[in-house]
């Protein structure tokens, strides 16, 4: 029970940080909504951990509900890391393309000025 209280306090802290960031317009509405839903679901999972343990047991898993939630969270994090890596790779290609175009334009201007 003590661990659940600590977890809920941490979740409330993160939710309050989200509202503060939203008020300061540091995050977009979509991002705010995503994280509010994420932390709300996390809080619900913490509150109903015993029910989750029973559900996991009924499904035939040998580990506890918190372990299953942890595994799901790790999978989701790896998915987000993959998406982030792909987005960075696309940005890197776009930056390279822009820099190349600027360099070619500067070289043409320099050649015209030299003539």
Protein backbone atom coordinates (compact mmCIF):
# COMPACT_ATOMS: atom_id res chain seq x y z
CA UNK A 1 0.00 0.00 0.00
CA UNK A 2 2.87 2.38 0.83
CA UNK A 3 4.36 1.80 -2.64
CA UNK A 4 1.02 2.61 -4.27
CA UNK A 5 0.82 5.89 -2.36
CA UNK A 6 4.37 6.81 -3.44
CA UNK A 7 3.52 5.92 -7.04
CA UNK A 8 0.33 8.02 -6.94
CA UNK A 9 2.24 10.98 -5.48
CA UNK A 10 4.77 10.72 -8.33
CA UNK A 11 1.96 10.51 -10.90
CA UNK A 12 0.24 13.55 -9.40
CA UNK A 13 3.56 15.41 -9.54
CA UNK A 14 3.94 14.62 -13.25
CA UNK A 15 0.34 15.61 -13.98
CA UNK A 16 0.85 18.93 -12.19
CA UNK A 17 4.05 19.48 -14.23
CA UNK A 18 2.03 18.85 -17.38
CA UNK A 19 -0.54 21.47 -16.43
CA UNK A 20 2.26 23.93 -15.62
CA UNK A 21 3.91 23.28 -19.00
CA UNK A 22 0.57 23.67 -20.76
CA UNK A 23 -0.06 26.96 -18.97
CA UNK A 24 3.40 28.21 -20.04
CA UNK A 25 2.65 26.91 -23.58
CA UNK A 26 5.72 24.70 -23.56
CA UNK A 27 3.85 21.68 -24.95
CA UNK A 28 1.24 21.30 -27.66
CA UNK A 29 -2.33 20.26 -27.02
CA UNK A 30 -1.89 16.82 -28.62
CA UNK A 31 1.19 16.09 -26.54
CA UNK A 32 -0.57 17.34 -23.42
CA UNK A 33 -3.55 15.08 -24.11
CA UNK A 34 -1.33 12.06 -24.74
CA UNK A 35 0.58 12.48 -21.48
CA UNK A 36 -2.55 13.21 -19.43
CA UNK A 37 -4.10 9.99 -20.73
CA UNK A 38 -0.85 8.10 -20.11
CA UNK A 39 -0.53 9.28 -16.50
CA UNK A 40 -4.24 8.80 -15.81
CA UNK A 41 -4.03 5.21 -17.04
CA UNK A 42 -0.90 4.73 -14.96
CA UNK A 43 -2.75 5.99 -11.88
CA UNK A 44 -5.66 3.67 -12.59
CA UNK A 45 -3.26 0.75 -13.03
CA UNK A 46 -1.65 1.55 -9.66
CA UNK A 47 -5.03 1.80 -7.95
CA UNK A 48 -6.27 -1.49 -9.38
CA UNK A 49 -3.02 -3.45 -9.16
CA UNK A 50 -4.58 -6.33 -7.20
CA UNK A 51 -7.31 -6.71 -9.85
CA UNK A 52 -4.63 -6.68 -12.55
CA UNK A 53 -2.77 -9.41 -10.62
CA UNK A 54 -5.95 -11.52 -10.59
CA UNK A 55 -6.56 -10.91 -14.29
CA UNK A 56 -2.99 -11.85 -15.19
CA UNK A 57 -3.25 -14.97 -13.04
CA UNK A 58 -6.53 -15.95 -14.69
CA UNK A 59 -4.92 -15.55 -18.11
CA UNK A 60 -2.29 -18.10 -17.09
CA UNK A 61 0.75 -15.89 -16.61
CA UNK A 62 3.03 -16.82 -13.74
CA UNK A 63 4.27 -13.30 -13.02
CA UNK A 64 2.47 -10.52 -11.20
CA UNK A 65 0.42 -7.75 -12.81
CA UNK A 66 3.10 -5.17 -12.22
CA UNK A 67 5.58 -7.31 -14.15
CA UNK A 68 3.20 -7.53 -17.10
CA UNK A 69 2.60 -3.76 -16.98
CA UNK A 70 6.37 -3.25 -16.90
CA UNK A 71 6.86 -5.50 -19.94
CA UNK A 72 4.15 -3.63 -21.85
CA UNK A 73 5.74 -0.29 -20.89
CA UNK A 74 9.16 -1.45 -22.13
CA UNK A 75 7.64 -2.57 -25.44
CA UNK A 76 5.89 0.78 -25.85
CA UNK A 77 9.10 2.65 -25.01
CA UNK A 78 11.05 0.70 -27.62
CA UNK A 79 8.34 1.52 -30.16
CA UNK A 80 8.61 5.24 -29.33
CA UNK A 81 12.41 5.07 -29.54
CA UNK A 82 12.12 3.50 -32.99
CA UNK A 83 9.70 6.21 -34.15
CA UNK A 84 11.96 8.92 -32.73
CA UNK A 85 15.02 7.43 -34.42
CA UNK A 86 13.21 7.31 -37.77
CA UNK A 87 12.09 10.91 -37.34
CA UNK A 88 15.66 12.03 -36.54
CA UNK A 89 16.97 10.16 -39.58
CA UNK A 90 14.42 11.92 -41.81
CA UNK A 91 15.36 15.31 -40.29
CA UNK A 92 19.04 14.55 -40.85
CA UNK A 93 18.39 13.78 -44.52
CA UNK A 94 16.37 16.99 -44.92
CA UNK A 95 19.09 19.07 -43.26
CA UNK A 96 21.73 17.49 -45.50
CA UNK A 97 19.62 18.27 -48.56
CA UNK A 98 19.11 21.91 -47.50
CA UNK A 99 22.80 22.41 -46.69
CA UNK A 100 23.76 20.90 -50.06
CA UNK A 101 21.39 23.24 -51.90
CA UNK A 102 22.71 26.28 -50.01
CA UNK A 103 26.30 25.26 -50.74
CA UNK A 104 25.55 24.87 -54.45
CA UNK A 105 23.84 28.29 -54.56
CA UNK A 106 26.78 29.89 -52.75
CA UNK A 107 29.22 28.24 -55.16
CA UNK A 108 27.26 29.55 -58.17
CA UNK A 109 27.19 33.06 -56.68
CA UNK A 110 30.91 32.92 -55.98
CA UNK A 111 31.65 31.73 -59.52
CA UNK A 112 29.52 34.56 -60.95
CA UNK A 113 31.30 37.14 -58.81
CA UNK A 114 34.72 35.82 -59.84
CA UNK A 115 33.90 36.22 -63.52
